[in-house]
Amino acid sequence: MSNHTLQYCFGPVQSRRLGVSLGVDIVPHKTCTLNCVYCECGKTTHITTKAQEYVPVAGVIAELDKILSQQPAIDVITFSGSGEPTLHSGIGTIIDYIKSNYRYTIAVLTNGTLLWQKDVRSRLYNADIVIPSLDAATEHAFKKICRPSPELQLEKIIEGIAQFKKEFKGLLILEIFIVPGINNTTEELNALADAAHFINPDRVQLNYLDRPGTEKWVQSVDVKTLQQYALYFAPIPVDIPGTPEYRLLELRLPLEEMILSTIERRPSTVEDLAYSLSKDNLLVQQILDEMLKQGVVEYFDEARGRFYKKI
């Protein structure tokens, strides 16, 4: 088995939203401004609003060079992972480097909580796609779903996303994660729709639970129900993430390394990994079984299947 050498990049994986995506994770595990009940990466262990160089910019760039020099057949490079990427003060430098040296689409998945700060907004200007989330537009729902840092104010967050939309030249997609029983009432959906129309994104994305969330009580939502919720946001186009088109990946990294770098950030089933990495289920299972023997990974069972995660 190869050594796990990837520190900052993971995948590429078949993203439900963006196609074949190479992930870039630039903050320590669960360093975030929020502690969302649905987060598939687990509870936030370091809640903060302070931006700093959490991992070395030079190290991230060197790892990206190692991967991108192979000219992998990916659709997008996505800043996401197990924390809030805009907390890294050097994210703009990394984005600018990729743009200057490679021809890949760059996406940033952010909770949007720091976009009220001008310097944070400016770091994202050269990205192609920015997907900020807004899971609630009332204080009650915001605190119950997102469990934010006490320094954050919902009104400023909404205003910050709206200001970024005015300044940003790329595609802005507003992601709304539906948590049944909290933000799917008529009152909450109307408030979210009002906020969305104020922000004026290019599209709205209604997301839902696909992997186990932080809190066991969070439930998923069926597609037909989400289609009904989408009517609240008209005339803004609304997307509901589905199964992406299957594509073979051409990134020549050891499969063990790709599996570990993925489940280190989000628990996955054998089927998830086999699909996202374009590999046979049996092969993925054999590698995971060997990792179990070596004490590298562990698993837990949920309704959708057996999920593996890195120890």
C-alpha atoms as a PDB file:
ATOM      1  CA  MET A   1       0.000   0.000   0.000  1.00  0.00           C
ATOM      2  CA  SER A   2       1.320   3.466  -0.882  1.00  0.00           C
ATOM      3  CA  ASN A   3       2.023   6.152   1.652  1.00  0.00           C
ATOM      4  CA  HIS A   4      -0.706   8.732   2.078  1.00  0.00           C
ATOM      5  CA  THR A   5       1.135  11.725   0.658  1.00  0.00           C
ATOM      6  CA  LEU A   6      -1.717  14.071  -0.221  1.00  0.00           C
ATOM      7  CA  GLN A   7      -2.172  16.662   2.505  1.00  0.00           C
ATOM      8  CA  TYR A   8      -4.335  19.324   0.942  1.00  0.00           C
ATOM      9  CA  CYS A   9      -5.991  17.820  -2.143  1.00  0.00           C
ATOM     10  CA  PHE A  10      -8.477  14.984  -2.346  1.00  0.00           C
ATOM     11  CA  GLY A  11     -10.287  13.039  -5.045  1.00  0.00           C
ATOM     12  CA  PRO A  12     -11.016  13.697  -7.782  1.00  0.00           C
ATOM     13  CA  VAL A  13     -14.593  12.642  -7.096  1.00  0.00           C
ATOM     14  CA  GLN A  14     -17.855  12.662  -8.991  1.00  0.00           C
ATOM     15  CA  SER A  15     -19.519  15.670  -7.384  1.00  0.00           C
ATOM     16  CA  ARG A  16     -23.328  15.735  -7.334  1.00  0.00           C
ATOM     17  CA  ARG A  17     -23.104  19.398  -8.225  1.00  0.00           C
ATOM     18  CA  LEU A  18     -20.015  20.118 -10.288  1.00  0.00           C
ATOM     19  CA  GLY A  19     -19.040  16.972 -12.181  1.00  0.00           C
ATOM     20  CA  VAL A  20     -15.540  15.529 -11.763  1.00  0.00           C
ATOM     21  CA  SER A  21     -14.008  17.630  -9.008  1.00  0.00           C
ATOM     22  CA  LEU A  22     -10.530  17.806  -7.495  1.00  0.00           C
ATOM     23  CA  GLY A  23     -10.973  18.996  -3.919  1.00  0.00           C
ATOM     24  CA  VAL A  24      -8.628  21.424  -2.155  1.00  0.00           C
ATOM     25  CA  ASP A  25      -8.833  21.558   1.642  1.00  0.00           C
ATOM     26  CA  ILE A  26      -6.882  24.463   3.141  1.00  0.00           C
ATOM     27  CA  VAL A  27      -7.989  24.648   6.765  1.00  0.00           C
ATOM     28  CA  PRO A  28      -7.508  22.089   9.569  1.00  0.00           C
ATOM     29  CA  HIS A  29     -10.251  19.523  10.042  1.00  0.00           C
ATOM     30  CA  LYS A  30     -13.464  21.146  11.310  1.00  0.00           C
ATOM     31  CA  THR A  31     -12.163  24.689  11.575  1.00  0.00           C
ATOM     32  CA  CYS A  32     -15.250  26.705  10.740  1.00  0.00           C
ATOM     33  CA  THR A  33     -17.399  29.702  11.588  1.00  0.00           C
ATOM     34  CA  LEU A  34     -20.441  27.439  12.034  1.00  0.00           C
ATOM     35  CA  ASN A  35     -21.320  24.106  13.633  1.00  0.00           C
ATOM     36  CA  CYS A  36     -24.107  22.988  11.296  1.00  0.00           C
ATOM     37  CA  VAL A  37     -26.371  20.146  12.377  1.00  0.00           C
ATOM     38  CA  TYR A  38     -26.239  18.514   8.936  1.00  0.00           C
ATOM     39  CA  CYS A  39     -22.482  18.692   8.273  1.00  0.00           C
ATOM     40  CA  GLU A  40     -21.197  15.389   6.908  1.00  0.00           C
ATOM     41  CA  CYS A  41     -17.735  16.112   8.303  1.00  0.00           C
ATOM     42  CA  GLY A  42     -18.871  16.061  11.939  1.00  0.00           C
ATOM     43  CA  LYS A  43     -18.984  18.628  14.708  1.00  0.00           C
ATOM     44  CA  THR A  44     -16.866  21.767  14.517  1.00  0.00           C
ATOM     45  CA  THR A  45     -13.938  21.447  16.902  1.00  0.00           C
ATOM     46  CA  HIS A  46     -12.510  24.925  16.287  1.00  0.00           C
ATOM     47  CA  ILE A  47     -15.179  27.575  15.767  1.00  0.00           C
ATOM     48  CA  THR A  48     -13.649  30.886  14.739  1.00  0.00           C
ATOM     49  CA  THR A  49     -14.036  33.895  12.452  1.00  0.00           C
ATOM     50  CA  LYS A  50     -10.310  34.691  12.339  1.00  0.00           C
ATOM     51  CA  ALA A  51      -8.648  34.394   8.947  1.00  0.00           C
ATOM     52  CA  GLN A  52      -5.022  33.270   8.865  1.00  0.00           C
ATOM     53  CA  GLU A  53      -2.610  31.047   6.905  1.00  0.00           C
ATOM     54  CA  TYR A  54      -3.754  27.799   8.498  1.00  0.00           C
ATOM     55  CA  VAL A  55      -1.681  25.679   6.096  1.00  0.00           C
ATOM     56  CA  PRO A  56       1.295  26.915   4.042  1.00  0.00           C
ATOM     57  CA  VAL A  57       0.364  28.443   0.696  1.00  0.00           C
ATOM     58  CA  ALA A  58       3.606  27.131  -0.813  1.00  0.00           C
ATOM     59  CA  GLY A  59       2.745  23.577   0.243  1.00  0.00           C
ATOM     60  CA  VAL A  60      -0.717  23.747  -1.308  1.00  0.00           C
ATOM     61  CA  ILE A  61       0.675  25.125  -4.570  1.00  0.00           C
ATOM     62  CA  ALA A  62       3.388  22.437  -4.708  1.00  0.00           C
ATOM     63  CA  GLU A  63       0.787  19.694  -4.266  1.00  0.00           C
ATOM     64  CA  LEU A  64      -1.454  21.227  -6.927  1.00  0.00           C
ATOM     65  CA  ASP A  65       1.503  21.374  -9.322  1.00  0.00           C
ATOM     66  CA  LYS A  66       2.181  17.678  -8.714  1.00  0.00           C
ATOM     67  CA  ILE A  67      -1.389  16.800  -9.667  1.00  0.00           C
ATOM     68  CA  LEU A  68      -2.242  19.370 -12.333  1.00  0.00           C
ATOM     69  CA  SER A  69       0.991  18.823 -14.270  1.00  0.00           C
ATOM     70  CA  GLN A  70      -0.535  15.467 -15.261  1.00  0.00           C
ATOM     71  CA  GLN A  71      -3.343  17.367 -17.016  1.00  0.00           C
ATOM     72  CA  PRO A  72      -6.088  15.301 -15.352  1.00  0.00           C
ATOM     73  CA  ALA A  73      -9.514  15.117 -17.004  1.00  0.00           C
ATOM     74  CA  ILE A  74     -11.414  17.023 -14.334  1.00  0.00           C
ATOM     75  CA  ASP A  75     -14.237  19.508 -14.654  1.00  0.00           C
ATOM     76  CA  VAL A  76     -13.377  21.742 -11.744  1.00  0.00           C
ATOM     77  CA  ILE A  77     -10.978  22.432  -8.881  1.00  0.00           C
ATOM     78  CA  THR A  78     -13.103  22.934  -5.795  1.00  0.00           C
ATOM     79  CA  PHE A  79     -12.058  24.644  -2.572  1.00  0.00           C
ATOM     80  CA  SER A  80     -14.070  22.804   0.053  1.00  0.00           C
ATOM     81  CA  GLY A  81     -13.237  19.977   2.446  1.00  0.00           C
ATOM     82  CA  SER A  82     -13.677  19.750   6.188  1.00  0.00           C
ATOM     83  CA  GLY A  83     -13.768  23.420   7.143  1.00  0.00           C
ATOM     84  CA  GLU A  84     -14.562  26.932   5.877  1.00  0.00           C
ATOM     85  CA  PRO A  85     -12.073  27.762   3.066  1.00  0.00           C
ATOM     86  CA  THR A  86     -12.453  31.550   3.299  1.00  0.00           C
ATOM     87  CA  LEU A  87     -10.856  31.369   6.749  1.00  0.00           C
ATOM     88  CA  HIS A  88      -7.546  30.862   4.952  1.00  0.00           C
ATOM     89  CA  SER A  89      -5.959  34.235   4.335  1.00  0.00           C
ATOM     90  CA  GLY A  90      -4.058  32.912   1.302  1.00  0.00           C
ATOM     91  CA  ILE A  91      -6.952  31.448  -0.665  1.00  0.00           C
ATOM     92  CA  GLY A  92      -6.779  34.334  -3.140  1.00  0.00           C
ATOM     93  CA  THR A  93      -3.069  33.711  -3.758  1.00  0.00           C
ATOM     94  CA  ILE A  94      -3.722  30.030  -4.493  1.00  0.00           C
ATOM     95  CA  ILE A  95      -6.645  30.810  -6.812  1.00  0.00           C
ATOM     96  CA  ASP A  96      -4.574  33.402  -8.666  1.00  0.00           C
ATOM     97  CA  TYR A  97      -1.706  30.905  -9.075  1.00  0.00           C
ATOM     98  CA  ILE A  98      -3.991  28.262 -10.583  1.00  0.00           C
ATOM     99  CA  LYS A  99      -5.526  30.823 -12.936  1.00  0.00           C
ATOM    100  CA  SER A 100      -2.091  31.998 -14.079  1.00  0.00           C
ATOM    101  CA  ASN A 101      -0.693  28.523 -14.734  1.00  0.00           C
ATOM    102  CA  TYR A 102      -3.544  26.162 -15.599  1.00  0.00           C
ATOM    103  CA  ARG A 103      -6.790  26.122 -17.550  1.00  0.00           C
ATOM    104  CA  TYR A 104      -9.229  24.729 -15.051  1.00  0.00           C
ATOM    105  CA  THR A 105     -12.516  26.026 -13.709  1.00  0.00           C
ATOM    106  CA  ILE A 106     -12.240  27.044 -10.049  1.00  0.00           C
ATOM    107  CA  ALA A 107     -15.133  26.741  -7.622  1.00  0.00           C
ATOM    108  CA  VAL A 108     -15.341  27.781  -3.972  1.00  0.00           C
ATOM    109  CA  LEU A 109     -17.876  26.197  -1.618  1.00  0.00           C
ATOM    110  CA  THR A 110     -18.324  28.580   1.293  1.00  0.00           C
ATOM    111  CA  ASN A 111     -20.837  29.105   4.070  1.00  0.00           C
ATOM    112  CA  GLY A 112     -20.802  32.780   3.080  1.00  0.00           C
ATOM    113  CA  THR A 113     -20.485  34.015   6.654  1.00  0.00           C
ATOM    114  CA  LEU A 114     -17.386  36.158   6.035  1.00  0.00           C
ATOM    115  CA  LEU A 115     -18.357  37.790   2.742  1.00  0.00           C
ATOM    116  CA  TRP A 116     -19.390  40.967   4.573  1.00  0.00           C
ATOM    117  CA  GLN A 117     -15.641  41.597   4.876  1.00  0.00           C
ATOM    118  CA  LYS A 118     -14.198  43.358   1.823  1.00  0.00           C
ATOM    119  CA  ASP A 119     -10.835  41.579   1.972  1.00  0.00           C
ATOM    120  CA  VAL A 120     -12.536  38.159   2.046  1.00  0.00           C
ATOM    121  CA  ARG A 121     -14.662  39.064  -0.978  1.00  0.00           C
ATOM    122  CA  SER A 122     -11.627  40.279  -2.917  1.00  0.00           C
ATOM    123  CA  ARG A 123      -9.802  36.962  -2.438  1.00  0.00           C
ATOM    124  CA  LEU A 124     -12.517  35.157  -4.392  1.00  0.00           C
ATOM    125  CA  TYR A 125     -12.812  37.503  -7.366  1.00  0.00           C
ATOM    126  CA  ASN A 126     -10.755  35.291  -9.717  1.00  0.00           C
ATOM    127  CA  ALA A 127     -12.774  32.135  -9.029  1.00  0.00           C
ATOM    128  CA  ASP A 128     -15.203  31.030 -11.727  1.00  0.00           C
ATOM    129  CA  ILE A 129     -17.963  29.696  -9.478  1.00  0.00           C
ATOM    130  CA  VAL A 130     -18.725  30.628  -5.884  1.00  0.00           C
ATOM    131  CA  ILE A 131     -21.413  28.716  -3.990  1.00  0.00           C
ATOM    132  CA  PRO A 132     -22.258  30.397  -0.685  1.00  0.00           C
ATOM    133  CA  SER A 133     -24.809  28.738   1.554  1.00  0.00           C
ATOM    134  CA  LEU A 134     -27.757  30.354   3.284  1.00  0.00           C
ATOM    135  CA  ASP A 135     -29.760  27.809   5.239  1.00  0.00           C
ATOM    136  CA  ALA A 136     -31.954  30.241   7.153  1.00  0.00           C
ATOM    137  CA  ALA A 137     -33.166  33.825   6.899  1.00  0.00           C
ATOM    138  CA  THR A 138     -34.568  34.106  10.418  1.00  0.00           C
ATOM    139  CA  GLU A 139     -32.480  34.234  13.569  1.00  0.00           C
ATOM    140  CA  HIS A 140     -34.340  31.321  15.140  1.00  0.00           C
ATOM    141  CA  ALA A 141     -33.678  28.928  12.265  1.00  0.00           C
ATOM    142  CA  PHE A 142     -30.130  30.223  11.726  1.00  0.00           C
ATOM    143  CA  LYS A 143     -29.114  29.487  15.303  1.00  0.00           C
ATOM    144  CA  LYS A 144     -30.853  26.108  15.348  1.00  0.00           C
ATOM    145  CA  ILE A 145     -29.399  24.840  12.055  1.00  0.00           C
ATOM    146  CA  CYS A 146     -26.027  26.587  11.805  1.00  0.00           C
ATOM    147  CA  ARG A 147     -25.081  27.099  15.477  1.00  0.00           C
ATOM    148  CA  PRO A 148     -22.858  30.057  14.518  1.00  0.00           C
ATOM    149  CA  SER A 149     -19.919  31.756  16.180  1.00  0.00           C
ATOM    150  CA  PRO A 150     -21.346  34.436  18.504  1.00  0.00           C
ATOM    151  CA  GLU A 151     -19.485  37.070  16.473  1.00  0.00           C
ATOM    152  CA  LEU A 152     -21.699  36.510  13.419  1.00  0.00           C
ATOM    153  CA  GLN A 153     -24.860  38.416  12.544  1.00  0.00           C
ATOM    154  CA  LEU A 154     -27.326  36.955  10.062  1.00  0.00           C
ATOM    155  CA  GLU A 155     -28.285  40.335   8.580  1.00  0.00           C
ATOM    156  CA  LYS A 156     -24.632  41.159   7.842  1.00  0.00           C
ATOM    157  CA  ILE A 157     -24.131  37.716   6.280  1.00  0.00           C
ATOM    158  CA  ILE A 158     -27.035  38.217   3.873  1.00  0.00           C
ATOM    159  CA  GLU A 159     -25.859  41.726   3.014  1.00  0.00           C
ATOM    160  CA  GLY A 160     -22.316  40.417   2.465  1.00  0.00           C
ATOM    161  CA  ILE A 161     -23.430  37.748   0.006  1.00  0.00           C
ATOM    162  CA  ALA A 162     -25.533  40.320  -1.842  1.00  0.00           C
ATOM    163  CA  GLN A 163     -22.581  42.716  -2.049  1.00  0.00           C
ATOM    164  CA  PHE A 164     -20.316  39.961  -3.336  1.00  0.00           C
ATOM    165  CA  LYS A 165     -22.846  39.143  -6.058  1.00  0.00           C
ATOM    166  CA  LYS A 166     -22.696  42.765  -7.249  1.00  0.00           C
ATOM    167  CA  GLU A 167     -18.894  42.662  -7.445  1.00  0.00           C
ATOM    168  CA  PHE A 168     -18.266  39.106  -8.674  1.00  0.00           C
ATOM    169  CA  LYS A 169     -17.865  38.471 -12.410  1.00  0.00           C
ATOM    170  CA  GLY A 170     -18.330  34.721 -12.238  1.00  0.00           C
ATOM    171  CA  LEU A 171     -21.265  32.426 -11.502  1.00  0.00           C
ATOM    172  CA  LEU A 172     -22.848  32.728  -8.055  1.00  0.00           C
ATOM    173  CA  ILE A 173     -25.078  29.871  -6.907  1.00  0.00           C
ATOM    174  CA  LEU A 174     -26.875  30.223  -3.594  1.00  0.00           C
ATOM    175  CA  GLU A 175     -27.075  26.873  -1.793  1.00  0.00           C
ATOM    176  CA  ILE A 176     -29.910  26.233   0.633  1.00  0.00           C
ATOM    177  CA  PHE A 177     -29.805  23.043   2.692  1.00  0.00           C
ATOM    178  CA  ILE A 178     -33.262  21.886   3.681  1.00  0.00           C
ATOM    179  CA  VAL A 179     -33.531  20.620   7.272  1.00  0.00           C
ATOM    180  CA  PRO A 180     -37.057  19.229   7.716  1.00  0.00           C
ATOM    181  CA  GLY A 181     -38.894  20.629  10.708  1.00  0.00           C
ATOM    182  CA  ILE A 182     -36.824  23.823  10.845  1.00  0.00           C
ATOM    183  CA  ASN A 183     -36.444  25.718   7.573  1.00  0.00           C
ATOM    184  CA  ASN A 184     -39.163  24.092   5.456  1.00  0.00           C
ATOM    185  CA  THR A 185     -42.183  25.807   6.980  1.00  0.00           C
ATOM    186  CA  THR A 186     -44.070  28.377   4.902  1.00  0.00           C
ATOM    187  CA  GLU A 187     -42.692  31.184   7.084  1.00  0.00           C
ATOM    188  CA  GLU A 188     -39.102  30.045   6.771  1.00  0.00           C
ATOM    189  CA  LEU A 189     -39.317  29.330   3.040  1.00  0.00           C
ATOM    190  CA  ASN A 190     -40.824  32.768   2.426  1.00  0.00           C
ATOM    191  CA  ALA A 191     -38.004  34.379   4.423  1.00  0.00           C
ATOM    192  CA  LEU A 192     -35.410  32.411   2.456  1.00  0.00           C
ATOM    193  CA  ALA A 193     -37.080  33.388  -0.810  1.00  0.00           C
ATOM    194  CA  ASP A 194     -37.030  37.074   0.189  1.00  0.00           C
ATOM    195  CA  ALA A 195     -33.317  36.817   1.037  1.00  0.00           C
ATOM    196  CA  ALA A 196     -32.587  35.008  -2.222  1.00  0.00           C
ATOM    197  CA  HIS A 197     -34.345  37.687  -4.266  1.00  0.00           C
ATOM    198  CA  PHE A 198     -32.367  40.352  -2.388  1.00  0.00           C
ATOM    199  CA  ILE A 199     -29.078  38.573  -3.120  1.00  0.00           C
ATOM    200  CA  ASN A 200     -30.109  37.908  -6.739  1.00  0.00           C
ATOM    201  CA  PRO A 201     -27.923  34.827  -7.401  1.00  0.00           C
ATOM    202  CA  ASP A 202     -27.571  33.314 -10.855  1.00  0.00           C
ATOM    203  CA  ARG A 203     -29.144  30.135  -9.518  1.00  0.00           C
ATOM    204  CA  VAL A 204     -30.444  28.631  -6.279  1.00  0.00           C
ATOM    205  CA  GLN A 205     -29.483  25.102  -5.306  1.00  0.00           C
ATOM    206  CA  LEU A 206     -31.715  23.172  -2.915  1.00  0.00           C
ATOM    207  CA  ASN A 207     -29.568  20.599  -1.146  1.00  0.00           C
ATOM    208  CA  TYR A 208     -30.528  17.743   1.142  1.00  0.00           C
ATOM    209  CA  LEU A 209     -28.994  15.071   3.360  1.00  0.00           C
ATOM    210  CA  ASP A 210     -27.134  12.428   1.336  1.00  0.00           C
ATOM    211  CA  ARG A 211     -24.599  11.230   3.931  1.00  0.00           C
ATOM    212  CA  PRO A 212     -24.941  10.993   7.735  1.00  0.00           C
ATOM    213  CA  GLY A 213     -25.061  14.476   9.292  1.00  0.00           C
ATOM    214  CA  THR A 214     -23.573  15.681  12.558  1.00  0.00           C
ATOM    215  CA  GLU A 215     -26.885  15.235  14.372  1.00  0.00           C
ATOM    216  CA  LYS A 216     -28.715  11.945  13.941  1.00  0.00           C
ATOM    217  CA  TRP A 217     -32.144  13.605  13.919  1.00  0.00           C
ATOM    218  CA  VAL A 218     -31.529  15.429  10.631  1.00  0.00           C
ATOM    219  CA  GLN A 219     -33.598  13.796   7.883  1.00  0.00           C
ATOM    220  CA  SER A 220     -33.410  13.834   4.108  1.00  0.00           C
ATOM    221  CA  VAL A 221     -36.042  15.219   1.723  1.00  0.00           C
ATOM    222  CA  ASP A 222     -37.458  13.562  -1.393  1.00  0.00           C
ATOM    223  CA  VAL A 223     -37.026  15.185  -4.765  1.00  0.00           C
ATOM    224  CA  LYS A 224     -40.757  15.808  -5.333  1.00  0.00           C
ATOM    225  CA  THR A 225     -40.948  17.834  -2.119  1.00  0.00           C
ATOM    226  CA  LEU A 226     -37.865  19.824  -3.092  1.00  0.00           C
ATOM    227  CA  GLN A 227     -39.479  20.587  -6.441  1.00  0.00           C
ATOM    228  CA  GLN A 228     -42.430  22.094  -4.569  1.00  0.00           C
ATOM    229  CA  TYR A 229     -40.072  24.210  -2.435  1.00  0.00           C
ATOM    230  CA  ALA A 230     -38.364  25.427  -5.606  1.00  0.00           C
ATOM    231  CA  LEU A 231     -41.524  27.331  -6.571  1.00  0.00           C
ATOM    232  CA  TYR A 232     -40.907  29.801  -3.732  1.00  0.00           C
ATOM    233  CA  PHE A 233     -37.788  31.121  -5.485  1.00  0.00           C
ATOM    234  CA  ALA A 234     -39.246  31.850  -8.928  1.00  0.00           C
ATOM    235  CA  PRO A 235     -38.165  33.367 -11.230  1.00  0.00           C
ATOM    236  CA  ILE A 236     -34.637  32.436 -10.035  1.00  0.00           C
ATOM    237  CA  PRO A 237     -33.636  29.097 -11.632  1.00  0.00           C
ATOM    238  CA  VAL A 238     -33.461  26.312  -9.025  1.00  0.00           C
ATOM    239  CA  ASP A 239     -31.270  23.209  -9.201  1.00  0.00           C
ATOM    240  CA  ILE A 240     -31.696  20.024  -7.186  1.00  0.00           C
ATOM    241  CA  PRO A 241     -28.429  18.026  -7.208  1.00  0.00           C
ATOM    242  CA  GLY A 242     -28.748  14.563  -8.681  1.00  0.00           C
ATOM    243  CA  THR A 243     -26.543  11.761  -9.898  1.00  0.00           C
ATOM    244  CA  PRO A 244     -23.790  13.093 -12.166  1.00  0.00           C
ATOM    245  CA  GLU A 245     -22.936  11.619 -15.525  1.00  0.00           C
ATOM    246  CA  TYR A 246     -20.479   8.790 -15.118  1.00  0.00           C
ATOM    247  CA  ARG A 247     -16.986   9.549 -16.411  1.00  0.00           C
ATOM    248  CA  LEU A 248     -13.681   7.749 -16.199  1.00  0.00           C
ATOM    249  CA  LEU A 249     -10.987   9.639 -14.321  1.00  0.00           C
ATOM    250  CA  GLU A 250      -7.489   9.973 -15.712  1.00  0.00           C
ATOM    251  CA  LEU A 251      -5.581  11.076 -12.642  1.00  0.00           C
ATOM    252  CA  ARG A 252      -2.627   8.757 -12.095  1.00  0.00           C
ATOM    253  CA  LEU A 253      -2.506   8.697  -8.302  1.00  0.00           C
ATOM    254  CA  PRO A 254      -2.474   5.498  -6.230  1.00  0.00           C
ATOM    255  CA  LEU A 255      -6.032   4.354  -5.552  1.00  0.00           C
ATOM    256  CA  GLU A 256      -5.294   3.865  -1.840  1.00  0.00           C
ATOM    257  CA  GLU A 257      -4.195   7.490  -1.637  1.00  0.00           C
ATOM    258  CA  MET A 258      -7.321   8.724  -3.394  1.00  0.00           C
ATOM    259  CA  ILE A 259      -9.586   6.683  -1.115  1.00  0.00           C
ATOM    260  CA  LEU A 260      -7.896   7.884   2.081  1.00  0.00           C
ATOM    261  CA  SER A 261      -7.851  11.523   1.032  1.00  0.00           C
ATOM    262  CA  THR A 262     -11.590  11.299   0.384  1.00  0.00           C
ATOM    263  CA  ILE A 263     -12.808   9.471   3.506  1.00  0.00           C
ATOM    264  CA  GLU A 264     -10.534  11.576   5.692  1.00  0.00           C
ATOM    265  CA  ARG A 265     -12.868  14.478   4.908  1.00  0.00           C
ATOM    266  CA  ARG A 266     -16.240  12.792   4.426  1.00  0.00           C
ATOM    267  CA  PRO A 267     -17.325   9.269   5.338  1.00  0.00           C
ATOM    268  CA  SER A 268     -18.309   7.216   2.285  1.00  0.00           C
ATOM    269  CA  THR A 269     -19.725   3.822   1.399  1.00  0.00           C
ATOM    270  CA  VAL A 270     -17.983   1.379  -0.922  1.00  0.00           C
ATOM    271  CA  GLU A 271     -20.528   2.309  -3.579  1.00  0.00           C
ATOM    272  CA  ASP A 272     -19.848   6.042  -3.094  1.00  0.00           C
ATOM    273  CA  LEU A 273     -16.117   5.541  -3.506  1.00  0.00           C
ATOM    274  CA  ALA A 274     -16.382   3.134  -6.432  1.00  0.00           C
ATOM    275  CA  TYR A 275     -18.675   5.508  -8.292  1.00  0.00           C
ATOM    276  CA  SER A 276     -16.804   8.715  -7.540  1.00  0.00           C
ATOM    277  CA  LEU A 277     -13.392   7.212  -8.342  1.00  0.00           C
ATOM    278  CA  SER A 278     -14.633   5.179 -11.320  1.00  0.00           C
ATOM    279  CA  LYS A 279     -13.433   1.866  -9.868  1.00  0.00           C
ATOM    280  CA  ASP A 280     -14.916  -1.567  -9.331  1.00  0.00           C
ATOM    281  CA  ASN A 281     -16.812  -2.101  -6.055  1.00  0.00           C
ATOM    282  CA  LEU A 282     -14.880  -5.286  -5.277  1.00  0.00           C
ATOM    283  CA  LEU A 283     -11.513  -3.573  -5.722  1.00  0.00           C
ATOM    284  CA  VAL A 284     -12.507  -0.714  -3.416  1.00  0.00           C
ATOM    285  CA  GLN A 285     -13.803  -3.191  -0.835  1.00  0.00           C
ATOM    286  CA  GLN A 286     -10.553  -5.167  -0.928  1.00  0.00           C
ATOM    287  CA  ILE A 287      -8.519  -2.013  -0.306  1.00  0.00           C
ATOM    288  CA  LEU A 288     -10.794  -0.931   2.545  1.00  0.00           C
ATOM    289  CA  ASP A 289     -10.582  -4.420   4.103  1.00  0.00           C
ATOM    290  CA  GLU A 290      -6.794  -4.172   4.063  1.00  0.00           C
ATOM    291  CA  MET A 291      -6.958  -0.710   5.620  1.00  0.00           C
ATOM    292  CA  LEU A 292      -9.230  -2.094   8.339  1.00  0.00           C
ATOM    293  CA  LYS A 293      -6.650  -4.799   9.155  1.00  0.00           C
ATOM    294  CA  GLN A 294      -3.937  -2.140   9.359  1.00  0.00           C
ATOM    295  CA  GLY A 295      -6.060   0.040  11.633  1.00  0.00           C
ATOM    296  CA  VAL A 296      -6.090   2.901   9.150  1.00  0.00           C
ATOM    297  CA  VAL A 297      -9.870   3.149   8.769  1.00  0.00           C
ATOM    298  CA  GLU A 298     -13.024   2.290  10.678  1.00  0.00           C
ATOM    299  CA  TYR A 299     -16.680   2.011   9.748  1.00  0.00           C
ATOM    300  CA  PHE A 300     -20.165   2.647  11.064  1.00  0.00           C
ATOM    301  CA  ASP A 301     -23.525   1.485   9.748  1.00  0.00           C
ATOM    302  CA  GLU A 302     -26.364   3.788   8.720  1.00  0.00           C
ATOM    303  CA  ALA A 303     -29.652   3.318   6.893  1.00  0.00           C
ATOM    304  CA  ARG A 304     -27.992   3.927   3.508  1.00  0.00           C
ATOM    305  CA  GLY A 305     -25.195   1.440   4.153  1.00  0.00           C
ATOM    306  CA  ARG A 306     -21.775   1.015   5.749  1.00  0.00           C
ATOM    307  CA  PHE A 307     -19.708   4.200   5.874  1.00  0.00           C
ATOM    308  CA  TYR A 308     -15.922   4.163   6.118  1.00  0.00           C
ATOM    309  CA  LYS A 309     -13.803   6.935   7.593  1.00  0.00           C
ATOM    310  CA  LYS A 310     -10.120   7.468   8.277  1.00  0.00           C
ATOM    311  CA  ILE A 311      -9.041   6.975  11.895  1.00  0.00           C
END
